Amino acid sequence: MVNRKRSIILRCPVTVEERNLIEQKMAQLQTKRIGAYLRKMAIDGYIIYVDTRDIKEMNKLLSAIGRNINQIAKRINAGGPTYRADIEEIRERLDQIWQLQRRILLSQR
């Protein structure tokens, strides 16, 4: 505890019901660390949770498309043939991205 960034310990007794309520609110934010949750609530009074699953999914799809394009470009630059299946896969992935973007935009309304 000598080299800890936070050397002061605060204690706050709670009832079983209060503890359950705190845990329920923590579950809504998908956090497991009660110390971080209580510190944030004591300092700011609120926590904003942003669901970024759609953005992460879109980034994954974009990364896959980027890898495919790089492989195709490498093959072409080496004098190799282009394959229709590669082009079709890129088109399919682009369609997935467009659908995901539409879903994100519609969910924000």
PDB file of N, CA and C in Angstrom:
ATOM      1  N   MET A   1       0.810  -1.189   0.000  1.00  0.00           N
ATOM      2  CA  MET A   1       0.000   0.000   0.000  1.00  0.00           C
ATOM      3  C   MET A   1       0.861   1.265   0.000  1.00  0.00           C
ATOM      4  N   VAL A   2       2.149   1.120   0.142  1.00  0.00           N
ATOM      5  CA  VAL A   2       3.049   2.257   0.187  1.00  0.00           C
ATOM      6  C   VAL A   2       3.097   2.994  -1.142  1.00  0.00           C
ATOM      7  N   ASN A   3       3.147   2.270  -2.259  1.00  0.00           N
ATOM      8  CA  ASN A   3       3.272   2.880  -3.582  1.00  0.00           C
ATOM      9  C   ASN A   3       1.941   3.067  -4.301  1.00  0.00           C
ATOM     10  N   ARG A   4       0.836   2.967  -3.591  1.00  0.00           N
ATOM     11  CA  ARG A   4      -0.475   3.116  -4.221  1.00  0.00           C
ATOM     12  C   ARG A   4      -0.724   4.549  -4.626  1.00  0.00           C
ATOM     13  N   LYS A   5      -1.390   4.717  -5.726  1.00  0.00           N
ATOM     14  CA  LYS A   5      -1.764   6.051  -6.193  1.00  0.00           C
ATOM     15  C   LYS A   5      -2.816   6.654  -5.262  1.00  0.00           C
ATOM     16  N   ARG A   6      -3.733   5.832  -4.820  1.00  0.00           N
ATOM     17  CA  ARG A   6      -4.787   6.278  -3.908  1.00  0.00           C
ATOM     18  C   ARG A   6      -4.508   5.696  -2.528  1.00  0.00           C
ATOM     19  N   SER A   7      -3.940   6.514  -1.675  1.00  0.00           N
ATOM     20  CA  SER A   7      -3.522   6.014  -0.355  1.00  0.00           C
ATOM     21  C   SER A   7      -4.573   6.213   0.724  1.00  0.00           C
ATOM     22  N   ILE A   8      -5.606   6.996   0.454  1.00  0.00           N
ATOM     23  CA  ILE A   8      -6.652   7.248   1.452  1.00  0.00           C
ATOM     24  C   ILE A   8      -7.818   6.300   1.189  1.00  0.00           C
ATOM     25  N   ILE A   9      -8.247   5.619   2.236  1.00  0.00           N
ATOM     26  CA  ILE A   9      -9.358   4.666   2.117  1.00  0.00           C
ATOM     27  C   ILE A   9     -10.582   5.263   2.791  1.00  0.00           C
ATOM     28  N   LEU A  10     -11.682   5.338   2.064  1.00  0.00           N
ATOM     29  CA  LEU A  10     -12.956   5.781   2.614  1.00  0.00           C
ATOM     30  C   LEU A  10     -13.835   4.563   2.833  1.00  0.00           C
ATOM     31  N   ARG A  11     -14.538   4.553   3.934  1.00  0.00           N
ATOM     32  CA  ARG A  11     -15.455   3.443   4.217  1.00  0.00           C
ATOM     33  C   ARG A  11     -16.860   4.007   4.386  1.00  0.00           C
ATOM     34  N   CYS A  12     -17.822   3.262   3.899  1.00  0.00           N
ATOM     35  CA  CYS A  12     -19.209   3.711   3.954  1.00  0.00           C
ATOM     36  C   CYS A  12     -20.100   2.499   4.216  1.00  0.00           C
ATOM     37  N   PRO A  13     -20.604   2.369   5.430  1.00  0.00           N
ATOM     38  CA  PRO A  13     -21.486   1.230   5.713  1.00  0.00           C
ATOM     39  C   PRO A  13     -22.815   1.357   4.965  1.00  0.00           C
ATOM     40  N   VAL A  14     -23.312   0.229   4.464  1.00  0.00           N
ATOM     41  CA  VAL A  14     -24.589   0.194   3.755  1.00  0.00           C
ATOM     42  C   VAL A  14     -25.404  -0.995   4.240  1.00  0.00           C
ATOM     43  N   THR A  15     -26.716  -0.926   3.990  1.00  0.00           N
ATOM     44  CA  THR A  15     -27.581  -2.057   4.325  1.00  0.00           C
ATOM     45  C   THR A  15     -27.515  -3.077   3.188  1.00  0.00           C
ATOM     46  N   VAL A  16     -28.087  -4.235   3.417  1.00  0.00           N
ATOM     47  CA  VAL A  16     -28.135  -5.270   2.380  1.00  0.00           C
ATOM     48  C   VAL A  16     -28.916  -4.761   1.171  1.00  0.00           C
ATOM     49  N   GLU A  17     -30.014  -4.063   1.427  1.00  0.00           N
ATOM     50  CA  GLU A  17     -30.829  -3.531   0.333  1.00  0.00           C
ATOM     51  C   GLU A  17     -30.046  -2.492  -0.479  1.00  0.00           C
ATOM     52  N   GLU A  18     -29.317  -1.628   0.223  1.00  0.00           N
ATOM     53  CA  GLU A  18     -28.517  -0.625  -0.480  1.00  0.00           C
ATOM     54  C   GLU A  18     -27.418  -1.286  -1.319  1.00  0.00           C
ATOM     55  N   ARG A  19     -26.789  -2.295  -0.751  1.00  0.00           N
ATOM     56  CA  ARG A  19     -25.739  -3.015  -1.492  1.00  0.00           C
ATOM     57  C   ARG A  19     -26.328  -3.665  -2.752  1.00  0.00           C
ATOM     58  N   ASN A  20     -27.500  -4.276  -2.608  1.00  0.00           N
ATOM     59  CA  ASN A  20     -28.161  -4.890  -3.766  1.00  0.00           C
ATOM     60  C   ASN A  20     -28.495  -3.846  -4.830  1.00  0.00           C
ATOM     61  N   LEU A  21     -28.962  -2.680  -4.417  1.00  0.00           N
ATOM     62  CA  LEU A  21     -29.289  -1.607  -5.351  1.00  0.00           C
ATOM     63  C   LEU A  21     -28.025  -1.118  -6.083  1.00  0.00           C
ATOM     64  N   ILE A  22     -26.930  -0.975  -5.345  1.00  0.00           N
ATOM     65  CA  ILE A  22     -25.656  -0.573  -5.958  1.00  0.00           C
ATOM     66  C   ILE A  22     -25.231  -1.608  -6.988  1.00  0.00           C
ATOM     67  N   GLU A  23     -25.333  -2.883  -6.643  1.00  0.00           N
ATOM     68  CA  GLU A  23     -24.938  -3.943  -7.576  1.00  0.00           C
ATOM     69  C   GLU A  23     -25.834  -3.968  -8.815  1.00  0.00           C
ATOM     70  N   GLN A  24     -27.133  -3.690  -8.636  1.00  0.00           N
ATOM     71  CA  GLN A  24     -28.041  -3.637  -9.788  1.00  0.00           C
ATOM     72  C   GLN A  24     -27.647  -2.498 -10.735  1.00  0.00           C
ATOM     73  N   LYS A  25     -27.319  -1.360 -10.167  1.00  0.00           N
ATOM     74  CA  LYS A  25     -26.917  -0.218 -11.007  1.00  0.00           C
ATOM     75  C   LYS A  25     -25.583  -0.482 -11.685  1.00  0.00           C
ATOM     76  N   MET A  26     -24.684  -1.164 -10.996  1.00  0.00           N
ATOM     77  CA  MET A  26     -23.405  -1.528 -11.596  1.00  0.00           C
ATOM     78  C   MET A  26     -23.631  -2.481 -12.764  1.00  0.00           C
ATOM     79  N   ALA A  27     -24.557  -3.407 -12.622  1.00  0.00           N
ATOM     80  CA  ALA A  27     -24.839  -4.379 -13.685  1.00  0.00           C
ATOM     81  C   ALA A  27     -25.368  -3.682 -14.934  1.00  0.00           C
ATOM     82  N   GLN A  28     -26.128  -2.610 -14.771  1.00  0.00           N
ATOM     83  CA  GLN A  28     -26.630  -1.858 -15.918  1.00  0.00           C
ATOM     84  C   GLN A  28     -25.486  -1.233 -16.710  1.00  0.00           C
ATOM     85  N   LEU A  29     -24.404  -0.922 -16.029  1.00  0.00           N
ATOM     86  CA  LEU A  29     -23.245  -0.302 -16.681  1.00  0.00           C
ATOM     87  C   LEU A  29     -22.207  -1.334 -17.081  1.00  0.00           C
ATOM     88  N   GLN A  30     -22.455  -2.581 -16.787  1.00  0.00           N
ATOM     89  CA  GLN A  30     -21.539  -3.675 -17.104  1.00  0.00           C
ATOM     90  C   GLN A  30     -20.158  -3.446 -16.491  1.00  0.00           C
ATOM     91  N   THR A  31     -20.147  -3.022 -15.239  1.00  0.00           N
ATOM     92  CA  THR A  31     -18.882  -2.833 -14.535  1.00  0.00           C
ATOM     93  C   THR A  31     -18.802  -3.816 -13.378  1.00  0.00           C
ATOM     94  N   LYS A  32     -17.599  -4.270 -13.091  1.00  0.00           N
ATOM     95  CA  LYS A  32     -17.400  -5.252 -12.018  1.00  0.00           C
ATOM     96  C   LYS A  32     -16.666  -4.644 -10.827  1.00  0.00           C
ATOM     97  N   ARG A  33     -16.017  -3.497 -11.009  1.00  0.00           N
ATOM     98  CA  ARG A  33     -15.187  -2.915  -9.958  1.00  0.00           C
ATOM     99  C   ARG A  33     -15.985  -1.897  -9.154  1.00  0.00           C
ATOM    100  N   ILE A  34     -16.357  -2.281  -7.960  1.00  0.00           N
ATOM    101  CA  ILE A  34     -17.191  -1.413  -7.130  1.00  0.00           C
ATOM    102  C   ILE A  34     -16.449  -0.145  -6.727  1.00  0.00           C
ATOM    103  N   GLY A  35     -15.143  -0.238  -6.501  1.00  0.00           N
ATOM    104  CA  GLY A  35     -14.366   0.941  -6.126  1.00  0.00           C
ATOM    105  C   GLY A  35     -14.394   2.001  -7.209  1.00  0.00           C
ATOM    106  N   ALA A  36     -14.199   1.590  -8.449  1.00  0.00           N
ATOM    107  CA  ALA A  36     -14.226   2.534  -9.569  1.00  0.00           C
ATOM    108  C   ALA A  36     -15.622   3.140  -9.728  1.00  0.00           C
ATOM    109  N   TYR A  37     -16.652   2.308  -9.576  1.00  0.00           N
ATOM    110  CA  TYR A  37     -18.028   2.782  -9.704  1.00  0.00           C
ATOM    111  C   TYR A  37     -18.350   3.824  -8.629  1.00  0.00           C
ATOM    112  N   LEU A  38     -18.044   3.492  -7.368  1.00  0.00           N
ATOM    113  CA  LEU A  38     -18.361   4.394  -6.259  1.00  0.00           C
ATOM    114  C   LEU A  38     -17.558   5.691  -6.346  1.00  0.00           C
ATOM    115  N   ARG A  39     -16.309   5.599  -6.751  1.00  0.00           N
ATOM    116  CA  ARG A  39     -15.474   6.787  -6.893  1.00  0.00           C
ATOM    117  C   ARG A  39     -16.055   7.716  -7.964  1.00  0.00           C
ATOM    118  N   LYS A  40     -16.425   7.152  -9.110  1.00  0.00           N
ATOM    119  CA  LYS A  40     -16.994   7.936 -10.204  1.00  0.00           C
ATOM    120  C   LYS A  40     -18.310   8.583  -9.773  1.00  0.00           C
ATOM    121  N   MET A  41     -19.152   7.838  -9.092  1.00  0.00           N
ATOM    122  CA  MET A  41     -20.434   8.373  -8.647  1.00  0.00           C
ATOM    123  C   MET A  41     -20.233   9.460  -7.595  1.00  0.00           C
ATOM    124  N   ALA A  42     -19.280   9.295  -6.682  1.00  0.00           N
ATOM    125  CA  ALA A  42     -19.035  10.291  -5.637  1.00  0.00           C
ATOM    126  C   ALA A  42     -18.481  11.585  -6.236  1.00  0.00           C
ATOM    127  N   ILE A  43     -17.652  11.471  -7.238  1.00  0.00           N
ATOM    128  CA  ILE A  43     -17.020  12.659  -7.830  1.00  0.00           C
ATOM    129  C   ILE A  43     -17.938  13.339  -8.836  1.00  0.00           C
ATOM    130  N   ASP A  44     -18.494  12.586  -9.765  1.00  0.00           N
ATOM    131  CA  ASP A  44     -19.280  13.171 -10.861  1.00  0.00           C
ATOM    132  C   ASP A  44     -20.786  13.110 -10.635  1.00  0.00           C
ATOM    133  N   GLY A  45     -21.245  12.150  -9.874  1.00  0.00           N
ATOM    134  CA  GLY A  45     -22.666  12.019  -9.617  1.00  0.00           C
ATOM    135  C   GLY A  45     -23.427  11.242 -10.673  1.00  0.00           C
ATOM    136  N   TYR A  46     -22.778  10.922 -11.789  1.00  0.00           N
ATOM    137  CA  TYR A  46     -23.434  10.151 -12.842  1.00  0.00           C
ATOM    138  C   TYR A  46     -22.382   9.464 -13.702  1.00  0.00           C
ATOM    139  N   ILE A  47     -22.827   8.424 -14.380  1.00  0.00           N
ATOM    140  CA  ILE A  47     -21.974   7.715 -15.320  1.00  0.00           C
ATOM    141  C   ILE A  47     -22.781   7.531 -16.597  1.00  0.00           C
ATOM    142  N   ILE A  48     -22.171   7.846 -17.717  1.00  0.00           N
ATOM    143  CA  ILE A  48     -22.842   7.667 -19.003  1.00  0.00           C
ATOM    144  C   ILE A  48     -22.272   6.413 -19.651  1.00  0.00           C
ATOM    145  N   TYR A  49     -23.143   5.479 -19.963  1.00  0.00           N
ATOM    146  CA  TYR A  49     -22.729   4.248 -20.637  1.00  0.00           C
ATOM    147  C   TYR A  49     -23.089   4.353 -22.112  1.00  0.00           C
ATOM    148  N   VAL A  50     -22.111   4.149 -22.966  1.00  0.00           N
ATOM    149  CA  VAL A  50     -22.329   4.202 -24.410  1.00  0.00           C
ATOM    150  C   VAL A  50     -22.107   2.796 -24.970  1.00  0.00           C
ATOM    151  N   ASP A  51     -23.124   2.275 -25.620  1.00  0.00           N
ATOM    152  CA  ASP A  51     -23.030   0.947 -26.228  1.00  0.00           C
ATOM    153  C   ASP A  51     -22.328   1.073 -27.574  1.00  0.00           C
ATOM    154  N   THR A  52     -21.138   0.514 -27.677  1.00  0.00           N
ATOM    155  CA  THR A  52     -20.346   0.630 -28.909  1.00  0.00           C
ATOM    156  C   THR A  52     -20.228  -0.692 -29.656  1.00  0.00           C
ATOM    157  N   ARG A  53     -21.121  -1.625 -29.385  1.00  0.00           N
ATOM    158  CA  ARG A  53     -21.024  -2.930 -30.046  1.00  0.00           C
ATOM    159  C   ARG A  53     -21.138  -2.818 -31.561  1.00  0.00           C
ATOM    160  N   ASP A  54     -22.057  -1.955 -32.039  1.00  0.00           N
ATOM    161  CA  ASP A  54     -22.216  -1.791 -33.490  1.00  0.00           C
ATOM    162  C   ASP A  54     -20.952  -1.222 -34.120  1.00  0.00           C
ATOM    163  N   ILE A  55     -20.350  -0.265 -33.452  1.00  0.00           N
ATOM    164  CA  ILE A  55     -19.125   0.340 -33.979  1.00  0.00           C
ATOM    165  C   ILE A  55     -17.990  -0.682 -33.998  1.00  0.00           C
ATOM    166  N   LYS A  56     -17.881  -1.485 -32.962  1.00  0.00           N
ATOM    167  CA  LYS A  56     -16.851  -2.526 -32.930  1.00  0.00           C
ATOM    168  C   LYS A  56     -17.064  -3.541 -34.046  1.00  0.00           C
ATOM    169  N   GLU A  57     -18.324  -3.895 -34.286  1.00  0.00           N
ATOM    170  CA  GLU A  57     -18.642  -4.840 -35.365  1.00  0.00           C
ATOM    171  C   GLU A  57     -18.266  -4.242 -36.719  1.00  0.00           C
ATOM    172  N   MET A  58     -18.578  -2.961 -36.912  1.00  0.00           N
ATOM    173  CA  MET A  58     -18.238  -2.319 -38.172  1.00  0.00           C
ATOM    174  C   MET A  58     -16.721  -2.251 -38.345  1.00  0.00           C
ATOM    175  N   ASN A  59     -15.991  -1.956 -37.289  1.00  0.00           N
ATOM    176  CA  ASN A  59     -14.528  -1.926 -37.372  1.00  0.00           C
ATOM    177  C   ASN A  59     -13.961  -3.295 -37.738  1.00  0.00           C
ATOM    178  N   LYS A  60     -14.574  -4.354 -37.198  1.00  0.00           N
ATOM    179  CA  LYS A  60     -14.126  -5.706 -37.523  1.00  0.00           C
ATOM    180  C   LYS A  60     -14.333  -6.003 -39.008  1.00  0.00           C
ATOM    181  N   LEU A  61     -15.501  -5.599 -39.526  1.00  0.00           N
ATOM    182  CA  LEU A  61     -15.782  -5.808 -40.945  1.00  0.00           C
ATOM    183  C   LEU A  61     -14.845  -4.985 -41.826  1.00  0.00           C
ATOM    184  N   LEU A  62     -14.599  -3.746 -41.440  1.00  0.00           N
ATOM    185  CA  LEU A  62     -13.683  -2.903 -42.208  1.00  0.00           C
ATOM    186  C   LEU A  62     -12.276  -3.493 -42.221  1.00  0.00           C
ATOM    187  N   SER A  63     -11.854  -4.031 -41.099  1.00  0.00           N
ATOM    188  CA  SER A  63     -10.530  -4.646 -41.014  1.00  0.00           C
ATOM    189  C   SER A  63     -10.436  -5.861 -41.943  1.00  0.00           C
ATOM    190  N   ALA A  64     -11.495  -6.671 -41.974  1.00  0.00           N
ATOM    191  CA  ALA A  64     -11.503  -7.849 -42.847  1.00  0.00           C
ATOM    192  C   ALA A  64     -11.433  -7.429 -44.319  1.00  0.00           C
ATOM    193  N   ILE A  65     -12.182  -6.388 -44.670  1.00  0.00           N
ATOM    194  CA  ILE A  65     -12.141  -5.896 -46.050  1.00  0.00           C
ATOM    195  C   ILE A  65     -10.751  -5.379 -46.377  1.00  0.00           C
ATOM    196  N   GLY A  66     -10.151  -4.644 -45.454  1.00  0.00           N
ATOM    197  CA  GLY A  66      -8.801  -4.125 -45.675  1.00  0.00           C
ATOM    198  C   GLY A  66      -7.792  -5.234 -45.914  1.00  0.00           C
ATOM    199  N   ARG A  67      -7.904  -6.315 -45.142  1.00  0.00           N
ATOM    200  CA  ARG A  67      -6.991  -7.460 -45.340  1.00  0.00           C
ATOM    201  C   ARG A  67      -7.187  -8.072 -46.723  1.00  0.00           C
ATOM    202  N   ASN A  68      -8.452  -8.239 -47.118  1.00  0.00           N
ATOM    203  CA  ASN A  68      -8.729  -8.816 -48.442  1.00  0.00           C
ATOM    204  C   ASN A  68      -8.188  -7.931 -49.559  1.00  0.00           C
ATOM    205  N   ILE A  69      -8.408  -6.646 -49.446  1.00  0.00           N
ATOM    206  CA  ILE A  69      -7.919  -5.723 -50.479  1.00  0.00           C
ATOM    207  C   ILE A  69      -6.392  -5.762 -50.540  1.00  0.00           C
ATOM    208  N   ASN A  70      -5.740  -5.801 -49.390  1.00  0.00           N
ATOM    209  CA  ASN A  70      -4.277  -5.878 -49.371  1.00  0.00           C
ATOM    210  C   ASN A  70      -3.769  -7.157 -50.037  1.00  0.00           C
ATOM    211  N   GLN A  71      -4.445  -8.273 -49.790  1.00  0.00           N
ATOM    212  CA  GLN A  71      -4.041  -9.529 -50.417  1.00  0.00           C
ATOM    213  C   GLN A  71      -4.208  -9.465 -51.932  1.00  0.00           C
ATOM    214  N   ILE A  72      -5.321  -8.905 -52.371  1.00  0.00           N
ATOM    215  CA  ILE A  72      -5.569  -8.786 -53.814  1.00  0.00           C
ATOM    216  C   ILE A  72      -4.533  -7.846 -54.440  1.00  0.00           C
ATOM    217  N   ALA A  73      -4.283  -6.705 -53.809  1.00  0.00           N
ATOM    218  CA  ALA A  73      -3.302  -5.748 -54.342  1.00  0.00           C
ATOM    219  C   ALA A  73      -1.911  -6.370 -54.402  1.00  0.00           C
ATOM    220  N   LYS A  74      -1.549  -7.138 -53.405  1.00  0.00           N
ATOM    221  CA  LYS A  74      -0.228  -7.794 -53.396  1.00  0.00           C
ATOM    222  C   LYS A  74      -0.114  -8.780 -54.556  1.00  0.00           C
ATOM    223  N   ARG A  75      -1.183  -9.552 -54.782  1.00  0.00           N
ATOM    224  CA  ARG A  75      -1.181 -10.533 -55.873  1.00  0.00           C
ATOM    225  C   ARG A  75      -1.097  -9.827 -57.230  1.00  0.00           C
ATOM    226  N   ILE A  76      -1.856  -8.745 -57.389  1.00  0.00           N
ATOM    227  CA  ILE A  76      -1.841  -8.015 -58.656  1.00  0.00           C
ATOM    228  C   ILE A  76      -0.466  -7.381 -58.889  1.00  0.00           C
ATOM    229  N   ASN A  77       0.091  -6.773 -57.846  1.00  0.00           N
ATOM    230  CA  ASN A  77       1.404  -6.131 -57.983  1.00  0.00           C
ATOM    231  C   ASN A  77       2.516  -7.135 -58.267  1.00  0.00           C
ATOM    232  N   ALA A  78       2.305  -8.367 -57.863  1.00  0.00           N
ATOM    233  CA  ALA A  78       3.299  -9.408 -58.138  1.00  0.00           C
ATOM    234  C   ALA A  78       3.073 -10.034 -59.517  1.00  0.00           C
ATOM    235  N   GLY A  79       2.092  -9.526 -60.241  1.00  0.00           N
ATOM    236  CA  GLY A  79       1.823 -10.037 -61.586  1.00  0.00           C
ATOM    237  C   GLY A  79       0.860 -11.204 -61.597  1.00  0.00           C
ATOM    238  N   GLY A  80       0.223 -11.475 -60.457  1.00  0.00           N
ATOM    239  CA  GLY A  80      -0.714 -12.599 -60.374  1.00  0.00           C
ATOM    240  C   GLY A  80      -2.103 -12.218 -60.845  1.00  0.00           C
ATOM    241  N   PRO A  81      -2.978 -13.193 -60.981  1.00  0.00           N
ATOM    242  CA  PRO A  81      -4.335 -12.934 -61.469  1.00  0.00           C
ATOM    243  C   PRO A  81      -5.250 -12.408 -60.353  1.00  0.00           C
ATOM    244  N   THR A  82      -6.292 -11.729 -60.744  1.00  0.00           N
ATOM    245  CA  THR A  82      -7.337 -11.356 -59.790  1.00  0.00           C
ATOM    246  C   THR A  82      -8.436 -12.399 -59.893  1.00  0.00           C
ATOM    247  N   TYR A  83      -9.062 -12.672 -58.782  1.00  0.00           N
ATOM    248  CA  TYR A  83     -10.107 -13.692 -58.748  1.00  0.00           C
ATOM    249  C   TYR A  83     -11.460 -13.040 -58.531  1.00  0.00           C
ATOM    250  N   ARG A  84     -12.425 -13.502 -59.299  1.00  0.00           N
ATOM    251  CA  ARG A  84     -13.787 -12.976 -59.188  1.00  0.00           C
ATOM    252  C   ARG A  84     -14.336 -13.203 -57.767  1.00  0.00           C
ATOM    253  N   ALA A  85     -13.980 -14.318 -57.140  1.00  0.00           N
ATOM    254  CA  ALA A  85     -14.461 -14.616 -55.783  1.00  0.00           C
ATOM    255  C   ALA A  85     -13.971 -13.565 -54.787  1.00  0.00           C
ATOM    256  N   ASP A  86     -12.740 -13.078 -54.957  1.00  0.00           N
ATOM    257  CA  ASP A  86     -12.212 -12.039 -54.070  1.00  0.00           C
ATOM    258  C   ASP A  86     -13.021 -10.756 -54.203  1.00  0.00           C
ATOM    259  N   ILE A  87     -13.307 -10.383 -55.432  1.00  0.00           N
ATOM    260  CA  ILE A  87     -14.082  -9.169 -55.681  1.00  0.00           C
ATOM    261  C   ILE A  87     -15.485  -9.315 -55.107  1.00  0.00           C
ATOM    262  N   GLU A  88     -16.095 -10.487 -55.270  1.00  0.00           N
ATOM    263  CA  GLU A  88     -17.437 -10.726 -54.735  1.00  0.00           C
ATOM    264  C   GLU A  88     -17.436 -10.663 -53.209  1.00  0.00           C
ATOM    265  N   GLU A  89     -16.394 -11.207 -52.585  1.00  0.00           N
ATOM    266  CA  GLU A  89     -16.310 -11.148 -51.122  1.00  0.00           C
ATOM    267  C   GLU A  89     -16.218  -9.708 -50.644  1.00  0.00           C
ATOM    268  N   ILE A  90     -15.451  -8.898 -51.341  1.00  0.00           N
ATOM    269  CA  ILE A  90     -15.344  -7.487 -50.974  1.00  0.00           C
ATOM    270  C   ILE A  90     -16.709  -6.809 -51.112  1.00  0.00           C
ATOM    271  N   ARG A  91     -17.415  -7.104 -52.174  1.00  0.00           N
ATOM    272  CA  ARG A  91     -18.753  -6.520 -52.359  1.00  0.00           C
ATOM    273  C   ARG A  91     -19.708  -6.947 -51.242  1.00  0.00           C
ATOM    274  N   GLU A  92     -19.656  -8.223 -50.866  1.00  0.00           N
ATOM    275  CA  GLU A  92     -20.516  -8.723 -49.789  1.00  0.00           C
ATOM    276  C   GLU A  92     -20.196  -8.022 -48.475  1.00  0.00           C
ATOM    277  N   ARG A  93     -18.922  -7.872 -48.189  1.00  0.00           N
ATOM    278  CA  ARG A  93     -18.515  -7.200 -46.946  1.00  0.00           C
ATOM    279  C   ARG A  93     -18.937  -5.733 -46.960  1.00  0.00           C
ATOM    280  N   LEU A  94     -18.807  -5.081 -48.101  1.00  0.00           N
ATOM    281  CA  LEU A  94     -19.246  -3.688 -48.198  1.00  0.00           C
ATOM    282  C   LEU A  94     -20.749  -3.580 -47.956  1.00  0.00           C
ATOM    283  N   ASP A  95     -21.507  -4.533 -48.493  1.00  0.00           N
ATOM    284  CA  ASP A  95     -22.952  -4.552 -48.232  1.00  0.00           C
ATOM    285  C   ASP A  95     -23.228  -4.706 -46.745  1.00  0.00           C
ATOM    286  N   GLN A  96     -22.476  -5.551 -46.061  1.00  0.00           N
ATOM    287  CA  GLN A  96     -22.637  -5.724 -44.615  1.00  0.00           C
ATOM    288  C   GLN A  96     -22.364  -4.418 -43.881  1.00  0.00           C
ATOM    289  N   ILE A  97     -21.351  -3.701 -44.312  1.00  0.00           N
ATOM    290  CA  ILE A  97     -21.023  -2.424 -43.672  1.00  0.00           C
ATOM    291  C   ILE A  97     -22.148  -1.422 -43.876  1.00  0.00           C
ATOM    292  N   TRP A  98     -22.662  -1.341 -45.101  1.00  0.00           N
ATOM    293  CA  TRP A  98     -23.754  -0.406 -45.371  1.00  0.00           C
ATOM    294  C   TRP A  98     -24.979  -0.747 -44.524  1.00  0.00           C
ATOM    295  N   GLN A  99     -25.296  -2.027 -44.394  1.00  0.00           N
ATOM    296  CA  GLN A  99     -26.432  -2.445 -43.577  1.00  0.00           C
ATOM    297  C   GLN A  99     -26.207  -2.083 -42.111  1.00  0.00           C
ATOM    298  N   LEU A 100     -24.995  -2.296 -41.633  1.00  0.00           N
ATOM    299  CA  LEU A 100     -24.668  -1.973 -40.251  1.00  0.00           C
ATOM    300  C   LEU A 100     -24.766  -0.471 -40.010  1.00  0.00           C
ATOM    301  N   GLN A 101     -24.284   0.324 -40.957  1.00  0.00           N
ATOM    302  CA  GLN A 101     -24.386   1.775 -40.818  1.00  0.00           C
ATOM    303  C   GLN A 101     -25.846   2.223 -40.784  1.00  0.00           C
ATOM    304  N   ARG A 102     -26.668   1.641 -41.638  1.00  0.00           N
ATOM    305  CA  ARG A 102     -28.097   1.981 -41.639  1.00  0.00           C
ATOM    306  C   ARG A 102     -28.736   1.636 -40.295  1.00  0.00           C
ATOM    307  N   ARG A 103     -28.383   0.444 -39.763  1.00  0.00           N
ATOM    308  CA  ARG A 103     -28.938   0.019 -38.482  1.00  0.00           C
ATOM    309  C   ARG A 103     -28.517   0.968 -37.359  1.00  0.00           C
ATOM    310  N   ILE A 104     -27.276   1.414 -37.388  1.00  0.00           N
ATOM    311  CA  ILE A 104     -26.798   2.352 -36.367  1.00  0.00           C
ATOM    312  C   ILE A 104     -27.557   3.672 -36.474  1.00  0.00           C
ATOM    313  N   LEU A 105     -27.702   4.178 -37.687  1.00  0.00           N
ATOM    314  CA  LEU A 105     -28.411   5.441 -37.882  1.00  0.00           C
ATOM    315  C   LEU A 105     -29.878   5.344 -37.456  1.00  0.00           C
ATOM    316  N   LEU A 106     -30.525   4.242 -37.780  1.00  0.00           N
ATOM    317  CA  LEU A 106     -31.928   4.068 -37.417  1.00  0.00           C
ATOM    318  C   LEU A 106     -32.099   3.917 -35.920  1.00  0.00           C
ATOM    319  N   SER A 107     -31.139   3.315 -35.243  1.00  0.00           N
ATOM    320  CA  SER A 107     -31.254   3.125 -33.792  1.00  0.00           C
ATOM    321  C   SER A 107     -31.025   4.431 -33.030  1.00  0.00           C
ATOM    322  N   GLN A 108     -30.426   5.430 -33.660  1.00  0.00           N
ATOM    323  CA  GLN A 108     -30.167   6.709 -33.006  1.00  0.00           C
ATOM    324  C   GLN A 108     -31.357   7.654 -33.077  1.00  0.00           C
ATOM    325  N   ARG A 109     -32.370   7.309 -33.834  1.00  0.00           N
ATOM    326  CA  ARG A 109     -33.553   8.189 -33.970  1.00  0.00           C
ATOM    327  C   ARG A 109     -34.452   8.084 -32.793  1.00  0.00           C
TER     328      ARG A 109
END
